[in-house]
Amino acid sequence: MTVEQGDGVRISCYSDADYANDPEDRRSISGYVTMLDGNVVSYASRKQEINALSTCEAEYVAMAEATKDLLWLAGLCNELSWKHPVPLLLGDNQGAIALTAKPGKHSKSKHIDNKYHMVRRNVELQRLTTQHVGTEAMVADVMTKALSVVKFTRFRQAMKVLPIVAAPDTATVDEAIRDSTAGSSTAPATSTLPLPSLHT
């Protein structure tokens, strides 16, 4: 894990959800990837407790789960006296992002359980900020669904996860790692936030 010197560390979390893809109970899957200066600190993929009524609701519930992890990491950095800007929560659903910024009840969201509105409350308190990121740059996509080889490779590299390498018996671990990273690069993303490079 590498942390660059500067004005402080960057805390961010990619949050995503599928929508009702389980054929048995139609519950959605939440996924998030929490990063410190582009290094993965934690991640999760789990089935939601509720049956979301829309893609927006599923994404909003996923953002609430990601918020808890994001605030935990911010608290840890505070305990270590690591300076950091306001943590950033990234989502790829415009409707869910809008819900985090608008106080009060809305006709399409007034049924959502109060505990999921913790995202909105923490945005109001300026404990975190939200930002839309394009689907092609949504790293947490790898936590919610099967992906094409191209997308899977891009997000694996963004998470700095090395591929599994079948090395000959005579090769050392260092050689296997060097061979697996030789010539690799991160594919361009459609997001304004660049995906972290695999190279350190």
N, C-alpha and C. Protein backbone atom coordinates (compact mmCIF):
# COMPACT_ATOMS: atom_id res chain seq x y z
N MET A 1 0.85 -1.18 0.00
CA MET A 1 0.00 0.00 0.00
C MET A 1 0.89 1.23 0.00
N THR A 2 0.62 2.17 -0.90
CA THR A 2 1.41 3.39 -0.98
C THR A 2 0.52 4.59 -0.72
N VAL A 3 1.01 5.50 0.11
CA VAL A 3 0.30 6.74 0.41
C VAL A 3 1.23 7.89 0.08
N GLU A 4 0.79 8.77 -0.80
CA GLU A 4 1.64 9.87 -1.24
C GLU A 4 1.68 10.98 -0.20
N GLN A 5 2.85 11.62 -0.09
CA GLN A 5 2.97 12.77 0.80
C GLN A 5 2.31 13.96 0.13
N GLY A 6 1.78 14.84 0.94
CA GLY A 6 1.12 16.02 0.39
C GLY A 6 0.23 16.66 1.44
N ASP A 7 -0.87 17.26 0.98
CA ASP A 7 -1.76 17.97 1.88
C ASP A 7 -2.64 17.04 2.71
N GLY A 8 -2.65 15.78 2.39
CA GLY A 8 -3.47 14.83 3.14
C GLY A 8 -3.84 13.64 2.28
N VAL A 9 -4.43 12.65 2.91
CA VAL A 9 -4.84 11.45 2.18
C VAL A 9 -6.23 11.64 1.60
N ARG A 10 -6.52 10.96 0.51
CA ARG A 10 -7.83 11.02 -0.13
C ARG A 10 -8.63 9.78 0.27
N ILE A 11 -9.82 10.00 0.79
CA ILE A 11 -10.70 8.89 1.19
C ILE A 11 -11.88 8.87 0.22
N SER A 12 -12.09 7.73 -0.41
CA SER A 12 -13.20 7.63 -1.37
C SER A 12 -13.82 6.24 -1.30
N CYS A 13 -15.04 6.15 -1.79
CA CYS A 13 -15.74 4.86 -1.79
C CYS A 13 -16.63 4.78 -3.03
N TYR A 14 -16.44 3.73 -3.81
CA TYR A 14 -17.30 3.45 -4.95
C TYR A 14 -18.46 2.58 -4.46
N SER A 15 -19.68 2.98 -4.76
CA SER A 15 -20.87 2.24 -4.32
C SER A 15 -21.72 1.87 -5.53
N ASP A 16 -22.22 0.63 -5.55
CA ASP A 16 -23.02 0.18 -6.69
C ASP A 16 -24.03 -0.87 -6.24
N ALA A 17 -25.02 -1.11 -7.07
CA ALA A 17 -26.02 -2.16 -6.80
C ALA A 17 -26.55 -2.70 -8.11
N ASP A 18 -26.92 -3.98 -8.11
CA ASP A 18 -27.69 -4.49 -9.24
C ASP A 18 -29.16 -4.25 -8.88
N TYR A 19 -30.08 -4.71 -9.69
CA TYR A 19 -31.49 -4.50 -9.34
C TYR A 19 -32.28 -5.79 -9.50
N ALA A 20 -32.70 -6.36 -8.37
CA ALA A 20 -33.64 -7.49 -8.32
C ALA A 20 -33.23 -8.65 -9.22
N ASN A 21 -31.96 -8.97 -9.25
CA ASN A 21 -31.49 -10.04 -10.14
C ASN A 21 -31.61 -11.44 -9.55
N ASP A 22 -31.89 -11.56 -8.25
CA ASP A 22 -32.07 -12.89 -7.67
C ASP A 22 -33.45 -13.41 -8.08
N PRO A 23 -33.51 -14.50 -8.83
CA PRO A 23 -34.80 -15.00 -9.33
C PRO A 23 -35.73 -15.52 -8.24
N GLU A 24 -35.18 -15.83 -7.06
CA GLU A 24 -36.01 -16.39 -6.00
C GLU A 24 -36.69 -15.33 -5.15
N ASP A 25 -35.92 -14.36 -4.64
CA ASP A 25 -36.53 -13.36 -3.76
C ASP A 25 -36.50 -11.94 -4.32
N ARG A 26 -35.88 -11.76 -5.50
CA ARG A 26 -35.83 -10.47 -6.20
C ARG A 26 -35.18 -9.36 -5.38
N ARG A 27 -34.33 -9.73 -4.43
CA ARG A 27 -33.60 -8.70 -3.69
C ARG A 27 -32.33 -8.33 -4.44
N SER A 28 -31.89 -7.11 -4.27
CA SER A 28 -30.73 -6.59 -4.98
C SER A 28 -29.44 -6.86 -4.21
N ILE A 29 -28.32 -6.71 -4.91
CA ILE A 29 -27.00 -6.88 -4.31
C ILE A 29 -26.33 -5.52 -4.19
N SER A 30 -25.84 -5.20 -3.00
CA SER A 30 -25.05 -3.99 -2.77
C SER A 30 -23.58 -4.34 -2.84
N GLY A 31 -22.79 -3.41 -3.36
CA GLY A 31 -21.35 -3.60 -3.38
C GLY A 31 -20.64 -2.27 -3.19
N TYR A 32 -19.52 -2.29 -2.51
CA TYR A 32 -18.73 -1.07 -2.39
C TYR A 32 -17.25 -1.41 -2.29
N VAL A 33 -16.43 -0.44 -2.68
CA VAL A 33 -14.97 -0.55 -2.58
C VAL A 33 -14.48 0.76 -1.97
N THR A 34 -13.90 0.68 -0.78
CA THR A 34 -13.42 1.87 -0.07
C THR A 34 -11.91 1.98 -0.24
N MET A 35 -11.46 3.20 -0.58
CA MET A 35 -10.05 3.40 -0.90
C MET A 35 -9.43 4.54 -0.10
N LEU A 36 -8.14 4.39 0.16
CA LEU A 36 -7.34 5.42 0.79
C LEU A 36 -6.19 5.73 -0.17
N ASP A 37 -6.20 6.92 -0.74
CA ASP A 37 -5.21 7.30 -1.76
C ASP A 37 -5.14 6.27 -2.89
N GLY A 38 -6.29 5.75 -3.31
CA GLY A 38 -6.34 4.81 -4.42
C GLY A 38 -6.01 3.38 -4.05
N ASN A 39 -5.75 3.11 -2.78
CA ASN A 39 -5.47 1.76 -2.30
C ASN A 39 -6.72 1.19 -1.64
N VAL A 40 -7.10 -0.02 -2.00
CA VAL A 40 -8.29 -0.64 -1.41
C VAL A 40 -8.03 -0.96 0.06
N VAL A 41 -8.92 -0.45 0.91
CA VAL A 41 -8.85 -0.72 2.35
C VAL A 41 -9.88 -1.77 2.73
N SER A 42 -11.07 -1.66 2.14
CA SER A 42 -12.12 -2.65 2.42
C SER A 42 -13.08 -2.71 1.24
N TYR A 43 -13.82 -3.80 1.18
CA TYR A 43 -14.82 -3.97 0.14
C TYR A 43 -15.87 -4.95 0.65
N ALA A 44 -17.03 -4.93 0.01
CA ALA A 44 -18.10 -5.85 0.43
C ALA A 44 -19.07 -6.06 -0.71
N SER A 45 -19.71 -7.21 -0.68
CA SER A 45 -20.79 -7.54 -1.61
C SER A 45 -21.80 -8.35 -0.82
N ARG A 46 -23.01 -7.81 -0.68
CA ARG A 46 -24.02 -8.53 0.11
C ARG A 46 -25.42 -8.23 -0.40
N LYS A 47 -26.31 -9.16 -0.11
CA LYS A 47 -27.71 -9.00 -0.51
C LYS A 47 -28.39 -7.97 0.40
N GLN A 48 -29.22 -7.12 -0.19
CA GLN A 48 -29.92 -6.11 0.59
C GLN A 48 -31.03 -6.74 1.44
N GLU A 49 -31.34 -6.09 2.56
CA GLU A 49 -32.36 -6.59 3.48
C GLU A 49 -33.77 -6.42 2.93
N ILE A 50 -33.94 -5.45 2.04
CA ILE A 50 -35.28 -5.12 1.54
C ILE A 50 -35.41 -5.48 0.07
N ASN A 51 -36.65 -5.44 -0.41
CA ASN A 51 -36.90 -5.55 -1.85
C ASN A 51 -37.05 -4.14 -2.40
N ALA A 52 -36.01 -3.64 -3.03
CA ALA A 52 -36.04 -2.30 -3.60
C ALA A 52 -37.08 -2.24 -4.72
N LEU A 53 -37.78 -1.11 -4.80
CA LEU A 53 -38.84 -0.96 -5.80
C LEU A 53 -38.35 -0.32 -7.09
N SER A 54 -37.09 0.12 -7.11
CA SER A 54 -36.54 0.73 -8.31
C SER A 54 -35.02 0.63 -8.27
N THR A 55 -34.40 0.88 -9.41
CA THR A 55 -32.94 0.91 -9.47
C THR A 55 -32.41 2.00 -8.56
N CYS A 56 -33.08 3.16 -8.57
CA CYS A 56 -32.67 4.29 -7.74
C CYS A 56 -32.66 3.89 -6.27
N GLU A 57 -33.71 3.21 -5.82
CA GLU A 57 -33.78 2.81 -4.42
C GLU A 57 -32.69 1.80 -4.07
N ALA A 58 -32.45 0.84 -4.96
CA ALA A 58 -31.39 -0.15 -4.72
C ALA A 58 -30.03 0.54 -4.58
N GLU A 59 -29.77 1.51 -5.45
CA GLU A 59 -28.50 2.24 -5.40
C GLU A 59 -28.40 3.09 -4.13
N TYR A 60 -29.51 3.68 -3.71
CA TYR A 60 -29.55 4.51 -2.51
C TYR A 60 -29.26 3.67 -1.26
N VAL A 61 -29.85 2.48 -1.20
CA VAL A 61 -29.61 1.56 -0.08
C VAL A 61 -28.14 1.15 -0.06
N ALA A 62 -27.58 0.88 -1.24
CA ALA A 62 -26.15 0.52 -1.33
C ALA A 62 -25.27 1.66 -0.84
N MET A 63 -25.66 2.90 -1.17
CA MET A 63 -24.89 4.06 -0.73
C MET A 63 -24.92 4.20 0.78
N ALA A 64 -26.05 3.85 1.40
CA ALA A 64 -26.14 3.91 2.87
C ALA A 64 -25.17 2.92 3.50
N GLU A 65 -25.08 1.73 2.94
CA GLU A 65 -24.15 0.73 3.46
C GLU A 65 -22.70 1.17 3.26
N ALA A 66 -22.43 1.76 2.10
CA ALA A 66 -21.07 2.25 1.82
C ALA A 66 -20.70 3.41 2.74
N THR A 67 -21.68 4.24 3.08
CA THR A 67 -21.43 5.39 3.95
C THR A 67 -20.87 4.97 5.29
N LYS A 68 -21.40 3.89 5.85
CA LYS A 68 -20.91 3.41 7.15
C LYS A 68 -19.43 3.06 7.08
N ASP A 69 -19.02 2.42 6.00
CA ASP A 69 -17.61 2.05 5.84
C ASP A 69 -16.75 3.28 5.60
N LEU A 70 -17.25 4.21 4.81
CA LEU A 70 -16.52 5.43 4.51
C LEU A 70 -16.27 6.25 5.77
N LEU A 71 -17.30 6.38 6.61
CA LEU A 71 -17.16 7.14 7.85
C LEU A 71 -16.23 6.45 8.84
N TRP A 72 -16.24 5.11 8.82
CA TRP A 72 -15.31 4.37 9.67
C TRP A 72 -13.87 4.68 9.29
N LEU A 73 -13.58 4.69 7.98
CA LEU A 73 -12.22 4.96 7.53
C LEU A 73 -11.82 6.40 7.85
N ALA A 74 -12.76 7.34 7.69
CA ALA A 74 -12.47 8.74 8.02
C ALA A 74 -12.16 8.86 9.51
N GLY A 75 -12.92 8.14 10.34
CA GLY A 75 -12.66 8.17 11.78
C GLY A 75 -11.30 7.60 12.14
N LEU A 76 -10.90 6.53 11.44
CA LEU A 76 -9.59 5.94 11.68
C LEU A 76 -8.48 6.93 11.32
N CYS A 77 -8.64 7.61 10.19
CA CYS A 77 -7.65 8.61 9.77
C CYS A 77 -7.57 9.75 10.78
N ASN A 78 -8.72 10.14 11.33
CA ASN A 78 -8.73 11.19 12.35
C ASN A 78 -7.97 10.74 13.60
N GLU A 79 -8.17 9.49 14.00
CA GLU A 79 -7.47 8.96 15.18
C GLU A 79 -5.96 8.92 14.96
N LEU A 80 -5.55 8.69 13.71
CA LEU A 80 -4.13 8.65 13.38
C LEU A 80 -3.56 10.04 13.08
N SER A 81 -4.42 11.06 13.19
CA SER A 81 -4.04 12.45 12.89
C SER A 81 -3.60 12.63 11.45
N TRP A 82 -4.23 11.86 10.54
CA TRP A 82 -3.97 12.01 9.11
C TRP A 82 -4.96 13.02 8.55
N LYS A 83 -4.44 14.10 8.01
CA LYS A 83 -5.31 15.10 7.41
C LYS A 83 -5.94 14.54 6.14
N HIS A 84 -7.18 14.95 5.90
CA HIS A 84 -7.85 14.49 4.68
C HIS A 84 -8.99 15.44 4.33
N PRO A 85 -9.27 15.62 3.04
CA PRO A 85 -10.44 16.39 2.65
C PRO A 85 -11.71 15.60 2.97
N VAL A 86 -12.85 16.21 2.74
CA VAL A 86 -14.13 15.53 3.00
C VAL A 86 -14.18 14.25 2.18
N PRO A 87 -14.49 13.10 2.80
CA PRO A 87 -14.56 11.84 2.07
C PRO A 87 -15.56 11.91 0.91
N LEU A 88 -15.27 11.17 -0.14
CA LEU A 88 -16.07 11.21 -1.37
C LEU A 88 -16.75 9.87 -1.60
N LEU A 89 -18.08 9.91 -1.76
CA LEU A 89 -18.87 8.72 -2.08
C LEU A 89 -19.28 8.79 -3.54
N LEU A 90 -18.88 7.80 -4.33
CA LEU A 90 -19.13 7.81 -5.77
C LEU A 90 -20.21 6.81 -6.13
N GLY A 91 -21.19 7.25 -6.92
CA GLY A 91 -22.25 6.38 -7.38
C GLY A 91 -22.53 6.62 -8.85
N ASP A 92 -23.13 5.64 -9.52
CA ASP A 92 -23.39 5.80 -10.96
C ASP A 92 -24.88 5.99 -11.28
N ASN A 93 -25.70 6.26 -10.26
CA ASN A 93 -27.12 6.49 -10.48
C ASN A 93 -27.46 7.93 -10.12
N GLN A 94 -27.84 8.72 -11.13
CA GLN A 94 -28.11 10.14 -10.92
C GLN A 94 -29.24 10.37 -9.92
N GLY A 95 -30.27 9.51 -9.95
CA GLY A 95 -31.40 9.66 -9.04
C GLY A 95 -30.99 9.48 -7.59
N ALA A 96 -30.16 8.47 -7.33
CA ALA A 96 -29.69 8.22 -5.96
C ALA A 96 -28.81 9.36 -5.48
N ILE A 97 -27.97 9.89 -6.37
CA ILE A 97 -27.12 11.03 -6.01
C ILE A 97 -28.00 12.22 -5.66
N ALA A 98 -29.06 12.44 -6.44
CA ALA A 98 -29.96 13.57 -6.18
C ALA A 98 -30.65 13.42 -4.83
N LEU A 99 -31.02 12.21 -4.46
CA LEU A 99 -31.67 11.98 -3.16
C LEU A 99 -30.77 12.37 -1.99
N THR A 100 -29.46 12.26 -2.17
CA THR A 100 -28.55 12.59 -1.07
C THR A 100 -28.45 14.09 -0.85
N ALA A 101 -28.87 14.87 -1.83
CA ALA A 101 -28.70 16.32 -1.76
C ALA A 101 -29.98 17.07 -1.43
N LYS A 102 -31.12 16.40 -1.55
CA LYS A 102 -32.40 17.10 -1.37
C LYS A 102 -33.07 16.68 -0.07
N PRO A 103 -33.21 17.62 0.88
CA PRO A 103 -33.91 17.28 2.12
C PRO A 103 -35.40 17.14 1.90
N GLY A 104 -36.08 16.54 2.86
CA GLY A 104 -37.52 16.39 2.77
C GLY A 104 -37.93 15.12 2.07
N LYS A 105 -39.25 14.90 2.02
CA LYS A 105 -39.77 13.68 1.41
C LYS A 105 -40.10 13.91 -0.06
N HIS A 106 -39.97 12.87 -0.84
CA HIS A 106 -40.28 12.91 -2.26
C HIS A 106 -41.26 11.78 -2.55
N SER A 107 -42.11 11.98 -3.52
CA SER A 107 -43.16 11.01 -3.79
C SER A 107 -42.61 9.62 -4.09
N LYS A 108 -41.44 9.55 -4.71
CA LYS A 108 -40.89 8.25 -5.09
C LYS A 108 -39.95 7.66 -4.04
N SER A 109 -39.72 8.40 -2.96
CA SER A 109 -38.78 7.90 -1.95
C SER A 109 -39.31 7.97 -0.53
N LYS A 110 -40.54 8.44 -0.35
CA LYS A 110 -41.04 8.62 1.02
C LYS A 110 -41.25 7.29 1.76
N HIS A 111 -41.31 6.19 1.01
CA HIS A 111 -41.47 4.88 1.65
C HIS A 111 -40.15 4.28 2.13
N ILE A 112 -39.03 4.87 1.73
CA ILE A 112 -37.72 4.30 2.08
C ILE A 112 -37.48 4.43 3.58
N ASP A 113 -37.06 3.35 4.19
CA ASP A 113 -36.81 3.31 5.63
C ASP A 113 -35.83 4.41 6.04
N ASN A 114 -36.10 5.01 7.19
CA ASN A 114 -35.32 6.14 7.67
C ASN A 114 -33.83 5.84 7.79
N LYS A 115 -33.46 4.61 8.12
CA LYS A 115 -32.04 4.30 8.35
C LYS A 115 -31.20 4.48 7.09
N TYR A 116 -31.84 4.39 5.92
CA TYR A 116 -31.08 4.55 4.69
C TYR A 116 -30.82 6.02 4.35
N HIS A 117 -31.52 6.93 5.07
CA HIS A 117 -31.32 8.35 4.82
C HIS A 117 -30.09 8.89 5.55
N MET A 118 -29.31 8.01 6.16
CA MET A 118 -28.08 8.45 6.83
C MET A 118 -27.11 9.08 5.83
N VAL A 119 -27.21 8.68 4.57
CA VAL A 119 -26.35 9.29 3.54
C VAL A 119 -26.65 10.77 3.45
N ARG A 120 -27.93 11.08 3.28
CA ARG A 120 -28.37 12.48 3.15
C ARG A 120 -27.96 13.29 4.38
N ARG A 121 -28.16 12.72 5.56
CA ARG A 121 -27.83 13.43 6.80
C ARG A 121 -26.34 13.73 6.88
N ASN A 122 -25.51 12.79 6.51
CA ASN A 122 -24.07 13.02 6.57
C ASN A 122 -23.59 13.99 5.50
N VAL A 123 -24.29 14.06 4.37
CA VAL A 123 -23.98 15.08 3.36
C VAL A 123 -24.33 16.46 3.93
N GLU A 124 -25.49 16.56 4.59
CA GLU A 124 -25.90 17.83 5.21
C GLU A 124 -24.88 18.29 6.25
N LEU A 125 -24.34 17.35 7.02
CA LEU A 125 -23.37 17.67 8.06
C LEU A 125 -21.96 17.85 7.51
N GLN A 126 -21.81 17.71 6.19
CA GLN A 126 -20.53 17.86 5.49
C GLN A 126 -19.48 16.85 5.98
N ARG A 127 -19.96 15.68 6.39
CA ARG A 127 -19.05 14.60 6.76
C ARG A 127 -18.60 13.82 5.53
N LEU A 128 -19.36 13.97 4.45
CA LEU A 128 -18.99 13.36 3.18
C LEU A 128 -19.66 14.12 2.05
N THR A 129 -19.19 13.90 0.86
CA THR A 129 -19.80 14.49 -0.31
C THR A 129 -20.02 13.39 -1.34
N THR A 130 -21.00 13.58 -2.21
CA THR A 130 -21.29 12.56 -3.22
C THR A 130 -20.96 13.10 -4.61
N GLN A 131 -20.67 12.19 -5.51
CA GLN A 131 -20.36 12.57 -6.88
C GLN A 131 -20.77 11.45 -7.82
N HIS A 132 -21.30 11.84 -8.97
CA HIS A 132 -21.67 10.85 -9.98
C HIS A 132 -20.42 10.43 -10.75
N VAL A 133 -20.33 9.14 -11.04
CA VAL A 133 -19.23 8.61 -11.85
C VAL A 133 -19.86 7.72 -12.91
N GLY A 134 -19.33 7.75 -14.11
CA GLY A 134 -19.88 6.95 -15.20
C GLY A 134 -19.79 5.46 -14.93
N THR A 135 -20.71 4.70 -15.50
CA THR A 135 -20.74 3.26 -15.30
C THR A 135 -19.43 2.60 -15.71
N GLU A 136 -18.79 3.13 -16.75
CA GLU A 136 -17.53 2.55 -17.23
C GLU A 136 -16.39 2.73 -16.23
N ALA A 137 -16.58 3.62 -15.25
CA ALA A 137 -15.54 3.85 -14.24
C ALA A 137 -15.98 3.41 -12.85
N MET A 138 -17.12 2.70 -12.77
CA MET A 138 -17.65 2.27 -11.47
C MET A 138 -16.96 1.00 -11.00
N VAL A 139 -15.91 1.17 -10.21
CA VAL A 139 -15.09 0.06 -9.74
C VAL A 139 -15.92 -0.98 -8.98
N ALA A 140 -16.92 -0.52 -8.21
CA ALA A 140 -17.73 -1.45 -7.40
C ALA A 140 -18.63 -2.34 -8.24
N ASP A 141 -18.69 -2.11 -9.54
CA ASP A 141 -19.46 -2.98 -10.44
C ASP A 141 -19.02 -4.43 -10.31
N VAL A 142 -17.74 -4.62 -10.02
CA VAL A 142 -17.18 -5.96 -9.90
C VAL A 142 -17.75 -6.70 -8.69
N MET A 143 -18.36 -5.96 -7.77
CA MET A 143 -18.94 -6.56 -6.56
C MET A 143 -20.40 -6.98 -6.72
N THR A 144 -21.03 -6.58 -7.82
CA THR A 144 -22.48 -6.79 -7.92
C THR A 144 -22.93 -7.70 -9.06
N LYS A 145 -22.06 -7.94 -10.02
CA LYS A 145 -22.50 -8.72 -11.19
C LYS A 145 -21.31 -9.30 -11.95
N ALA A 146 -21.59 -10.24 -12.82
CA ALA A 146 -20.56 -10.78 -13.71
C ALA A 146 -20.24 -9.73 -14.77
N LEU A 147 -18.97 -9.60 -15.11
CA LEU A 147 -18.54 -8.58 -16.05
C LEU A 147 -17.80 -9.19 -17.24
N SER A 148 -17.69 -8.40 -18.30
CA SER A 148 -16.88 -8.82 -19.44
C SER A 148 -15.42 -8.84 -19.00
N VAL A 149 -14.59 -9.53 -19.77
CA VAL A 149 -13.16 -9.62 -19.44
C VAL A 149 -12.53 -8.23 -19.41
N VAL A 150 -12.91 -7.37 -20.36
CA VAL A 150 -12.33 -6.03 -20.44
C VAL A 150 -12.65 -5.23 -19.18
N LYS A 151 -13.93 -5.22 -18.78
CA LYS A 151 -14.32 -4.47 -17.58
C LYS A 151 -13.69 -5.06 -16.33
N PHE A 152 -13.72 -6.38 -16.22
CA PHE A 152 -13.17 -7.03 -15.04
C PHE A 152 -11.69 -6.69 -14.88
N THR A 153 -10.94 -6.74 -15.98
CA THR A 153 -9.51 -6.44 -15.94
C THR A 153 -9.28 -4.99 -15.54
N ARG A 154 -10.07 -4.08 -16.11
CA ARG A 154 -9.93 -2.65 -15.80
C ARG A 154 -10.16 -2.40 -14.31
N PHE A 155 -11.23 -2.96 -13.76
CA PHE A 155 -11.54 -2.71 -12.36
C PHE A 155 -10.57 -3.43 -11.42
N ARG A 156 -10.10 -4.61 -11.83
CA ARG A 156 -9.09 -5.31 -11.04
C ARG A 156 -7.82 -4.47 -10.94
N GLN A 157 -7.42 -3.88 -12.06
CA GLN A 157 -6.24 -3.03 -12.06
C GLN A 157 -6.47 -1.77 -11.23
N ALA A 158 -7.67 -1.20 -11.31
CA ALA A 158 -7.99 -0.01 -10.52
C ALA A 158 -7.91 -0.30 -9.03
N MET A 159 -8.22 -1.54 -8.65
CA MET A 159 -8.14 -1.95 -7.25
C MET A 159 -6.74 -2.43 -6.87
N LYS A 160 -5.83 -2.42 -7.83
CA LYS A 160 -4.44 -2.86 -7.64
C LYS A 160 -4.36 -4.32 -7.19
N VAL A 161 -5.26 -5.12 -7.71
CA VAL A 161 -5.25 -6.56 -7.43
C VAL A 161 -4.50 -7.25 -8.56
N LEU A 162 -3.48 -8.02 -8.20
CA LEU A 162 -2.68 -8.71 -9.21
C LEU A 162 -3.42 -9.95 -9.72
N PRO A 163 -3.25 -10.27 -11.00
CA PRO A 163 -3.87 -11.48 -11.53
C PRO A 163 -3.20 -12.73 -10.97
N ILE A 164 -3.93 -13.82 -10.96
CA ILE A 164 -3.35 -15.10 -10.54
C ILE A 164 -2.40 -15.56 -11.64
N VAL A 165 -1.19 -15.89 -11.25
CA VAL A 165 -0.16 -16.26 -12.23
C VAL A 165 0.27 -17.71 -11.98
N ALA A 166 0.23 -18.51 -13.04
CA ALA A 166 0.73 -19.88 -12.95
C ALA A 166 2.21 -19.84 -13.30
N ALA A 167 3.05 -19.73 -12.28
CA ALA A 167 4.49 -19.60 -12.51
C ALA A 167 5.17 -20.96 -12.49
N PRO A 168 6.23 -21.13 -13.28
CA PRO A 168 7.00 -22.39 -13.23
C PRO A 168 7.59 -22.58 -11.84
N ASP A 169 7.89 -23.83 -11.50
CA ASP A 169 8.44 -24.14 -10.18
C ASP A 169 9.75 -23.40 -9.90
N THR A 170 10.50 -23.11 -10.95
CA THR A 170 11.81 -22.47 -10.76
C THR A 170 11.69 -20.96 -10.57
N ALA A 171 10.53 -20.41 -10.89
CA ALA A 171 10.36 -18.95 -10.78
C ALA A 171 10.12 -18.56 -9.34
N THR A 172 10.65 -17.43 -8.97
CA THR A 172 10.41 -16.91 -7.63
C THR A 172 9.11 -16.12 -7.63
N VAL A 173 8.61 -15.84 -6.45
CA VAL A 173 7.39 -15.05 -6.33
C VAL A 173 7.60 -13.67 -6.95
N ASP A 174 8.78 -13.07 -6.69
CA ASP A 174 9.07 -11.75 -7.24
C ASP A 174 9.04 -11.76 -8.77
N GLU A 175 9.59 -12.81 -9.37
CA GLU A 175 9.59 -12.92 -10.83
C GLU A 175 8.17 -13.05 -11.36
N ALA A 176 7.35 -13.82 -10.68
CA ALA A 176 5.97 -14.02 -11.11
C ALA A 176 5.20 -12.71 -11.06
N ILE A 177 5.41 -11.94 -9.99
CA ILE A 177 4.72 -10.65 -9.87
C ILE A 177 5.21 -9.69 -10.93
N ARG A 178 6.55 -9.65 -11.15
CA ARG A 178 7.10 -8.75 -12.16
C ARG A 178 6.55 -9.09 -13.55
N ASP A 179 6.49 -10.38 -13.86
CA ASP A 179 5.98 -10.81 -15.16
C ASP A 179 4.50 -10.45 -15.33
N SER A 180 3.74 -10.54 -14.24
CA SER A 180 2.30 -10.29 -14.35
C SER A 180 1.98 -8.82 -14.54
N THR A 181 2.89 -7.93 -14.11
CA THR A 181 2.63 -6.50 -14.22
C THR A 181 3.35 -5.86 -15.40
N ALA A 182 4.21 -6.59 -16.08
CA ALA A 182 4.97 -6.03 -17.20
C ALA A 182 4.03 -5.63 -18.33
N GLY A 183 4.13 -4.36 -18.71
CA GLY A 183 3.38 -3.87 -19.86
C GLY A 183 1.91 -3.63 -19.60
N SER A 184 1.44 -3.78 -18.35
CA SER A 184 0.01 -3.55 -18.10
C SER A 184 -0.24 -2.07 -17.89
N SER A 185 -1.43 -1.66 -18.24
CA SER A 185 -1.83 -0.27 -18.03
C SER A 185 -3.32 -0.23 -17.80
N THR A 186 -3.76 0.86 -17.23
CA THR A 186 -5.18 1.01 -16.94
C THR A 186 -5.90 1.58 -18.15
N ALA A 187 -7.01 0.97 -18.52
CA ALA A 187 -7.79 1.48 -19.64
C ALA A 187 -8.38 2.83 -19.28
N PRO A 188 -8.57 3.74 -20.25
CA PRO A 188 -9.13 5.04 -19.94
C PRO A 188 -10.56 4.91 -19.44
N ALA A 189 -10.91 5.76 -18.52
CA ALA A 189 -12.25 5.73 -17.94
C ALA A 189 -13.05 6.93 -18.43
N THR A 190 -14.38 6.82 -18.39
CA THR A 190 -15.23 7.92 -18.80
C THR A 190 -15.46 8.89 -17.66
N SER A 191 -15.01 8.55 -16.47
CA SER A 191 -15.19 9.40 -15.30
C SER A 191 -14.20 10.54 -15.32
N THR A 192 -14.54 11.64 -14.62
CA THR A 192 -13.59 12.72 -14.45
C THR A 192 -12.53 12.34 -13.44
N LEU A 193 -12.78 11.30 -12.66
CA LEU A 193 -11.78 10.79 -11.72
C LEU A 193 -10.98 9.69 -12.40
N PRO A 194 -9.66 9.86 -12.55
CA PRO A 194 -8.88 8.80 -13.20
C PRO A 194 -8.81 7.57 -12.31
N LEU A 195 -8.87 6.40 -12.94
CA LEU A 195 -8.70 5.17 -12.18
C LEU A 195 -7.24 5.06 -11.77
N PRO A 196 -6.97 4.56 -10.57
CA PRO A 196 -5.58 4.44 -10.11
C PRO A 196 -4.79 3.52 -11.03
N SER A 197 -3.53 3.86 -11.24
CA SER A 197 -2.66 3.03 -12.06
C SER A 197 -2.19 1.83 -11.27
N LEU A 198 -1.95 0.73 -11.96
CA LEU A 198 -1.43 -0.47 -11.31
C LEU A 198 0.02 -0.29 -10.90
N HIS A 199 0.72 0.59 -11.61
CA HIS A 199 2.15 0.80 -11.33
C HIS A 199 2.31 1.64 -10.08
N THR A 200 3.25 1.29 -9.25
CA THR A 200 3.51 2.06 -8.02
C THR A 200 4.86 2.73 -8.09
